């Protein structure tokens, strides 16, 4: 995975010729609905769940002028193909390039905890908090999941409440559907 730390300040990365950053946008229809992908020169930086709107400014960090958004992108097409394979049960891991732009505890929770949950398995918010060295930070893990820019790749749908399913940015029906896909195609 290719990782890029972003700044919360009102600035943005510029290309070598001092122009606003270019993002490539691609969408495809999945069994869940339309999924939109945004990528920069380093990799996919945002996967938007069906029913949600992509936010290019969040994808690059706050910006004065905003990014230039163009259609396509090689990494987006690779990601779309791999996500389609995932939805059909033919893929359990992704190898397209990503550019994850989150900081601090959220980055740690997403990368060290949630990203390591195996296909077809779940962990509680509390277990993830404990795994990343902050056993009393279960709510912060929930916040990290809620702001996850790369669902499916960082499988926040695999994180459940100790008392049940918990929440999900795409809604509980979508979370159930994703867990069902993984239980049907997981190793027996």
Protein backbone atom coordinates (compact mmCIF):
# COMPACT_ATOMS: atom_id res chain seq x y z
CA UNK A 1 0.00 0.00 0.00
CA UNK A 2 1.23 3.47 -0.83
CA UNK A 3 0.47 5.93 1.97
CA UNK A 4 0.47 9.73 1.94
CA UNK A 5 0.03 11.78 5.08
CA UNK A 6 -2.19 14.80 4.53
CA UNK A 7 -2.36 18.11 6.31
CA UNK A 8 -5.48 19.53 7.90
CA UNK A 9 -4.36 23.06 6.97
CA UNK A 10 -5.93 25.00 4.10
CA UNK A 11 -3.41 23.99 1.48
CA UNK A 12 -3.02 21.28 -1.11
CA UNK A 13 -0.34 19.35 -2.90
CA UNK A 14 0.54 20.86 -6.21
CA UNK A 15 1.90 19.20 -9.28
CA UNK A 16 5.43 19.94 -10.43
CA UNK A 17 4.26 22.82 -12.63
CA UNK A 18 2.53 24.48 -9.62
CA UNK A 19 -0.99 23.66 -10.82
CA UNK A 20 -3.73 22.20 -8.60
CA UNK A 21 -3.57 18.44 -8.15
CA UNK A 22 -5.25 16.30 -10.80
CA UNK A 23 -7.64 13.59 -9.65
CA UNK A 24 -9.05 10.90 -11.88
CA UNK A 25 -12.65 9.82 -11.33
CA UNK A 26 -14.24 6.55 -12.36
CA UNK A 27 -17.55 4.97 -11.43
CA UNK A 28 -18.99 1.52 -11.92
CA UNK A 29 -22.11 -0.41 -10.99
CA UNK A 30 -21.68 -3.01 -8.26
CA UNK A 31 -24.23 -5.32 -6.60
CA UNK A 32 -24.51 -2.59 -3.95
CA UNK A 33 -25.13 0.24 -6.43
CA UNK A 34 -22.88 2.80 -8.09
CA UNK A 35 -19.40 3.09 -6.60
CA UNK A 36 -17.19 6.06 -7.42
CA UNK A 37 -13.39 6.01 -7.29
CA UNK A 38 -11.00 8.95 -7.07
CA UNK A 39 -7.26 8.52 -7.67
CA UNK A 40 -4.25 10.79 -7.77
CA UNK A 41 -0.77 10.12 -9.14
CA UNK A 42 0.01 7.83 -6.17
CA UNK A 43 -3.10 5.66 -6.20
CA UNK A 44 -6.76 5.41 -5.31
CA UNK A 45 -7.47 7.93 -2.55
CA UNK A 46 -11.25 7.66 -2.17
CA UNK A 47 -13.90 5.00 -2.70
CA UNK A 48 -17.41 6.38 -2.40
CA UNK A 49 -20.19 4.05 -1.29
CA UNK A 50 -23.48 3.96 -3.22
CA UNK A 51 -25.79 6.80 -2.27
CA UNK A 52 -22.92 9.04 -1.21
CA UNK A 53 -21.13 11.80 -3.07
CA UNK A 54 -17.41 11.77 -3.77
CA UNK A 55 -15.55 14.66 -2.20
CA UNK A 56 -12.43 15.56 -4.21
CA UNK A 57 -11.37 18.21 -1.69
CA UNK A 58 -11.27 15.61 1.08
CA UNK A 59 -9.35 13.27 -1.22
CA UNK A 60 -6.45 15.74 -1.42
CA UNK A 61 -6.88 17.68 1.82
CA UNK A 62 -8.41 21.13 2.13
CA UNK A 63 -7.77 23.30 -0.90
CA UNK A 64 -8.03 26.92 -1.89
CA UNK A 65 -8.79 26.19 -5.55
CA UNK A 66 -9.79 22.55 -5.50
CA UNK A 67 -8.41 19.77 -7.64
CA UNK A 68 -8.85 19.29 -11.35
CA UNK A 69 -11.04 16.21 -11.79
CA UNK A 70 -10.77 14.18 -14.99
CA UNK A 71 -12.47 10.97 -16.07
CA UNK A 72 -10.67 7.64 -16.02
CA UNK A 73 -7.36 6.74 -14.47
CA UNK A 74 -5.39 3.52 -14.83
CA UNK A 75 -5.41 2.75 -11.10
CA UNK A 76 -9.16 3.41 -10.93
CA UNK A 77 -9.83 0.89 -13.70
CA UNK A 78 -7.64 -1.67 -11.93
CA UNK A 79 -9.45 -0.99 -8.64
CA UNK A 80 -12.88 -1.28 -10.30
CA UNK A 81 -11.93 -4.64 -11.82
CA UNK A 82 -10.66 -5.94 -8.47
CA UNK A 83 -13.72 -4.68 -6.60
CA UNK A 84 -16.00 -6.44 -9.11
CA UNK A 85 -13.99 -9.63 -8.49
CA UNK A 86 -14.42 -9.10 -4.74
CA UNK A 87 -18.20 -8.74 -5.07
CA UNK A 88 -18.37 -11.98 -7.09
CA UNK A 89 -16.29 -13.87 -4.51
CA UNK A 90 -13.22 -14.22 -6.76
CA UNK A 91 -10.94 -11.86 -4.79
CA UNK A 92 -10.17 -11.61 -1.09
CA UNK A 93 -7.28 -9.08 -1.16
CA UNK A 94 -6.57 -6.00 -3.23
CA UNK A 95 -3.25 -5.04 -4.80
CA UNK A 96 -4.02 -1.77 -6.56
CA UNK A 97 -2.12 1.29 -5.34
CA UNK A 98 -3.72 3.49 -2.70
CA UNK A 99 -2.96 6.89 -1.23
CA UNK A 100 -4.46 6.87 2.26
CA UNK A 101 -4.75 10.38 3.67
CA UNK A 102 -5.63 10.17 7.35
CA UNK A 103 -3.60 11.21 10.37
CA UNK A 104 -2.90 10.24 13.97
CA UNK A 105 -4.91 7.64 15.84
CA UNK A 106 -7.31 7.21 12.94
CA UNK A 107 -4.49 6.19 10.63
CA UNK A 108 -3.13 3.83 13.25
CA UNK A 109 -6.55 2.28 13.93
CA UNK A 110 -7.34 1.86 10.25
CA UNK A 111 -3.98 0.53 9.17
CA UNK A 112 -2.96 -1.58 12.12
CA UNK A 113 -6.34 -2.78 13.24
CA UNK A 114 -9.08 -2.73 10.67
CA UNK A 115 -6.88 -3.37 7.63
CA UNK A 116 -5.62 -6.59 9.17
CA UNK A 117 -9.01 -8.20 9.79
CA UNK A 118 -9.02 -11.31 7.59
CA UNK A 119 -11.60 -11.81 4.87
CA UNK A 120 -14.75 -13.39 6.29
CA UNK A 121 -13.96 -12.51 9.91
CA UNK A 122 -15.11 -9.70 12.20
CA UNK A 123 -13.65 -7.86 15.18
CA UNK A 124 -15.32 -5.58 17.71
CA UNK A 125 -14.52 -1.90 18.06
CA UNK A 126 -13.04 -2.74 21.47
CA UNK A 127 -10.83 -5.48 20.06
CA UNK A 128 -9.44 -3.08 17.44
CA UNK A 129 -8.80 -0.43 20.10
CA UNK A 130 -6.95 -3.00 22.21
CA UNK A 131 -4.99 -4.25 19.19
CA UNK A 132 -3.70 -0.74 18.43
CA UNK A 133 -2.69 -0.11 22.05
CA UNK A 134 -5.62 2.06 23.19
CA UNK A 135 -8.03 -0.34 24.91
CA UNK A 136 -10.43 2.42 26.01
CA UNK A 137 -10.73 3.99 22.54
CA UNK A 138 -13.51 1.88 21.02
CA UNK A 139 -15.51 5.01 20.12
CA UNK A 140 -12.48 6.50 18.39
CA UNK A 141 -12.24 3.32 16.31
CA UNK A 142 -15.87 3.91 15.35
CA UNK A 143 -15.01 7.46 14.29
CA UNK A 144 -12.06 6.18 12.29
CA UNK A 145 -14.36 3.74 10.52
CA UNK A 146 -16.91 6.47 9.82
CA UNK A 147 -14.23 8.57 8.10
CA UNK A 148 -12.59 5.69 6.23
CA UNK A 149 -11.90 6.95 2.69
CA UNK A 150 -11.20 3.44 1.37
CA UNK A 151 -14.03 1.09 2.36
CA UNK A 152 -13.58 -2.52 1.16
CA UNK A 153 -9.78 -2.03 1.02
CA UNK A 154 -9.74 -1.08 4.69
CA UNK A 155 -12.69 -3.32 5.55
CA UNK A 156 -14.59 -1.26 8.11
CA UNK A 157 -17.66 -3.43 7.44
CA UNK A 158 -15.83 -6.19 9.36
CA UNK A 159 -15.91 -4.16 12.58
CA UNK A 160 -18.95 -4.88 14.73
CA UNK A 161 -20.25 -3.73 18.09
CA UNK A 162 -19.81 -6.08 21.04
CA UNK A 163 -23.61 -6.10 21.35
CA UNK A 164 -24.46 -6.57 17.67
CA UNK A 165 -23.77 -5.31 14.18
CA UNK A 166 -22.85 -1.69 14.96
CA UNK A 167 -23.00 1.00 12.28
CA UNK A 168 -21.77 1.43 8.72
CA UNK A 169 -21.49 4.44 6.43
CA UNK A 170 -23.44 2.67 3.70
CA UNK A 171 -26.16 1.53 6.13
CA UNK A 172 -26.72 -1.71 7.97
CA UNK A 173 -28.30 -3.47 4.97
CA UNK A 174 -25.09 -2.88 2.98
CA UNK A 175 -22.95 -4.06 5.90
CA UNK A 176 -25.02 -7.24 6.15
CA UNK A 177 -24.68 -7.78 2.40
CA UNK A 178 -20.88 -7.41 2.51
CA UNK A 179 -20.58 -9.78 5.47
CA UNK A 180 -22.84 -12.25 3.65
CA UNK A 181 -20.65 -12.11 0.53
CA UNK A 182 -17.59 -12.87 2.63
CA UNK A 183 -19.26 -15.67 4.58
CA UNK A 184 -20.48 -17.31 1.35
CA UNK A 185 -17.13 -17.11 -0.44
CA UNK A 186 -14.82 -17.39 2.58
CA UNK A 187 -12.76 -20.44 3.35
CA UNK A 188 -14.79 -23.28 4.74
